[in-house]
Amino acid sequence: MKHTEKEIIEIGIKTMKLIGWNYNKEKKLSAGYHSIEDQLENLNRVKDSGYLTVDYDKAKNSLKAYWTICFDFEPEAEIQKNFMFLDIDDASGEPFKISHKQFSGKIIKSAEGKYSVEK
């Protein structure tokens, strides 16, 4: 683990501001770490169950350690139990995906260092 939860939350807050997505700033944020080992264990469990629908080696080789921060929607837009999830690469500290129940998109960083969401 390269980053701490505190560092990741700071990156997440900055990212949300840069991409222009609002969230409920009154709710405490936390981040969950996803190690390669845990992901590999889950991948193997799905493989062993017979329900793996992707190439195992390709999936295994694409694993990377990352963090997920859960943001509550801003109060005026909040729908009960509706959250946004921001994924951040642990090695680079770069955000790479944002999603909620009706959307999932890649976060792209331009040559100028500006972030945007690819739909």
Protein backbone atom coordinates (compact mmCIF):
# COMPACT_ATOMS: atom_id res chain seq x y z
CA MET A 1 0.00 0.00 0.00
CA LYS A 2 1.64 3.20 -1.18
CA HIS A 3 -0.95 5.77 -0.05
CA THR A 4 -2.78 6.26 3.23
CA GLU A 5 -6.53 6.56 3.50
CA LYS A 6 -6.12 10.24 4.41
CA GLU A 7 -4.04 10.94 1.28
CA ILE A 8 -6.56 9.14 -0.92
CA ILE A 9 -9.47 11.10 0.54
CA GLU A 10 -7.61 14.35 -0.15
CA ILE A 11 -7.03 13.23 -3.76
CA GLY A 12 -10.71 12.29 -4.02
CA ILE A 13 -11.94 15.66 -2.78
CA LYS A 14 -9.63 17.47 -5.19
CA THR A 15 -10.74 15.24 -8.07
CA MET A 16 -14.43 15.84 -7.42
CA LYS A 17 -13.82 19.59 -7.47
CA LEU A 18 -11.76 19.40 -10.68
CA ILE A 19 -14.36 17.34 -12.56
CA GLY A 20 -17.20 19.48 -11.23
CA TRP A 21 -19.13 16.77 -9.40
CA ASN A 22 -20.82 17.83 -6.18
CA TYR A 23 -21.38 15.64 -3.15
CA ASN A 24 -22.63 16.00 0.41
CA LYS A 25 -19.67 17.67 2.11
CA GLU A 26 -21.25 17.23 5.55
CA LYS A 27 -20.89 13.44 5.46
CA LYS A 28 -17.62 11.90 6.61
CA LEU A 29 -15.63 10.24 3.84
CA SER A 30 -13.83 6.92 4.05
CA ALA A 31 -11.89 4.91 1.53
CA GLY A 32 -11.55 1.17 1.06
CA TYR A 33 -8.35 -0.45 -0.18
CA HIS A 34 -8.46 -3.28 -2.76
CA SER A 35 -5.21 -5.24 -2.76
CA ILE A 36 -4.09 -7.34 -5.70
CA GLU A 37 -4.15 -10.39 -3.43
CA ASP A 38 -7.81 -9.84 -2.47
CA GLN A 39 -8.79 -9.27 -6.08
CA LEU A 40 -6.94 -12.42 -7.17
CA GLU A 41 -8.70 -14.40 -4.46
CA ASN A 42 -12.08 -13.15 -5.74
CA LEU A 43 -11.11 -13.88 -9.36
CA ASN A 44 -10.09 -17.42 -8.43
CA ARG A 45 -13.34 -17.95 -6.53
CA VAL A 46 -15.36 -16.93 -9.61
CA LYS A 47 -13.17 -19.11 -11.85
CA ASP A 48 -13.64 -22.10 -9.53
CA SER A 49 -17.40 -21.57 -9.50
CA GLY A 50 -17.51 -21.90 -13.29
CA TYR A 51 -19.02 -18.44 -13.82
CA LEU A 52 -15.97 -16.61 -15.15
CA THR A 53 -17.01 -14.83 -18.37
CA VAL A 54 -13.65 -13.24 -19.25
CA ASP A 55 -10.20 -14.58 -20.10
CA TYR A 56 -8.60 -15.54 -16.77
CA ASP A 57 -5.02 -14.60 -17.69
CA LYS A 58 -6.10 -11.26 -19.14
CA ALA A 59 -8.14 -10.48 -16.04
CA LYS A 60 -5.31 -11.57 -13.73
CA ASN A 61 -2.76 -9.43 -15.57
CA SER A 62 -4.99 -6.34 -15.41
CA LEU A 63 -5.27 -6.33 -11.62
CA LYS A 64 -3.86 -3.34 -9.76
CA ALA A 65 -4.13 -2.14 -6.19
CA TYR A 66 -6.65 0.68 -5.86
CA TRP A 67 -8.87 2.59 -3.46
CA THR A 68 -12.58 3.36 -3.62
CA ILE A 69 -14.13 6.41 -1.97
CA CYS A 70 -17.88 6.48 -1.47
CA PHE A 71 -19.47 9.93 -1.77
CA ASP A 72 -23.06 10.67 -0.79
CA PHE A 73 -25.02 12.73 -3.30
CA GLU A 74 -25.44 16.40 -2.37
CA PRO A 75 -28.45 16.84 -0.04
CA GLU A 76 -30.72 18.52 -2.61
CA ALA A 77 -30.16 15.69 -5.11
CA GLU A 78 -29.89 12.86 -2.64
CA ILE A 79 -31.96 9.80 -3.22
CA GLN A 80 -31.97 7.30 -0.40
CA LYS A 81 -29.01 4.91 -0.60
CA ASN A 82 -27.62 6.43 -3.78
CA PHE A 83 -23.86 6.88 -3.80
CA MET A 84 -20.99 7.83 -6.12
CA PHE A 85 -17.83 5.75 -6.16
CA LEU A 86 -14.44 7.14 -7.14
CA ASP A 87 -11.61 4.66 -7.84
CA ILE A 88 -8.01 5.80 -7.39
CA ASP A 89 -4.88 3.85 -8.40
CA ASP A 90 -2.75 3.21 -5.30
CA ALA A 91 0.58 3.21 -7.17
CA SER A 92 0.11 6.51 -9.01
CA GLY A 93 -2.50 8.26 -6.86
CA GLU A 94 -4.45 8.99 -10.05
CA PRO A 95 -8.25 8.67 -10.21
CA PHE A 96 -9.36 6.38 -13.04
CA LYS A 97 -13.09 5.68 -12.72
CA ILE A 98 -16.22 7.24 -11.26
CA SER A 99 -19.63 5.63 -11.08
CA HIS A 100 -23.05 5.67 -9.54
CA LYS A 101 -26.10 3.55 -10.09
CA GLN A 102 -26.96 5.15 -13.46
CA PHE A 103 -23.47 5.94 -14.83
CA SER A 104 -19.91 4.69 -15.02
CA GLY A 105 -17.09 6.54 -16.75
CA LYS A 106 -13.32 6.79 -17.01
CA ILE A 107 -11.50 9.76 -15.59
CA ILE A 108 -9.08 11.16 -18.16
CA LYS A 109 -6.17 13.50 -17.43
CA SER A 110 -5.15 15.85 -20.23
CA ALA A 111 -1.57 16.82 -21.08
CA GLU A 112 -2.27 20.07 -19.20
CA GLY A 113 -3.18 18.10 -16.06
CA LYS A 114 -6.92 18.75 -16.26
CA TYR A 115 -9.35 15.96 -15.41
CA SER A 116 -12.54 15.13 -17.27
CA VAL A 117 -15.02 12.27 -17.27
CA GLU A 118 -15.24 10.18 -20.43
CA LYS A 119 -18.81 9.05 -21.00
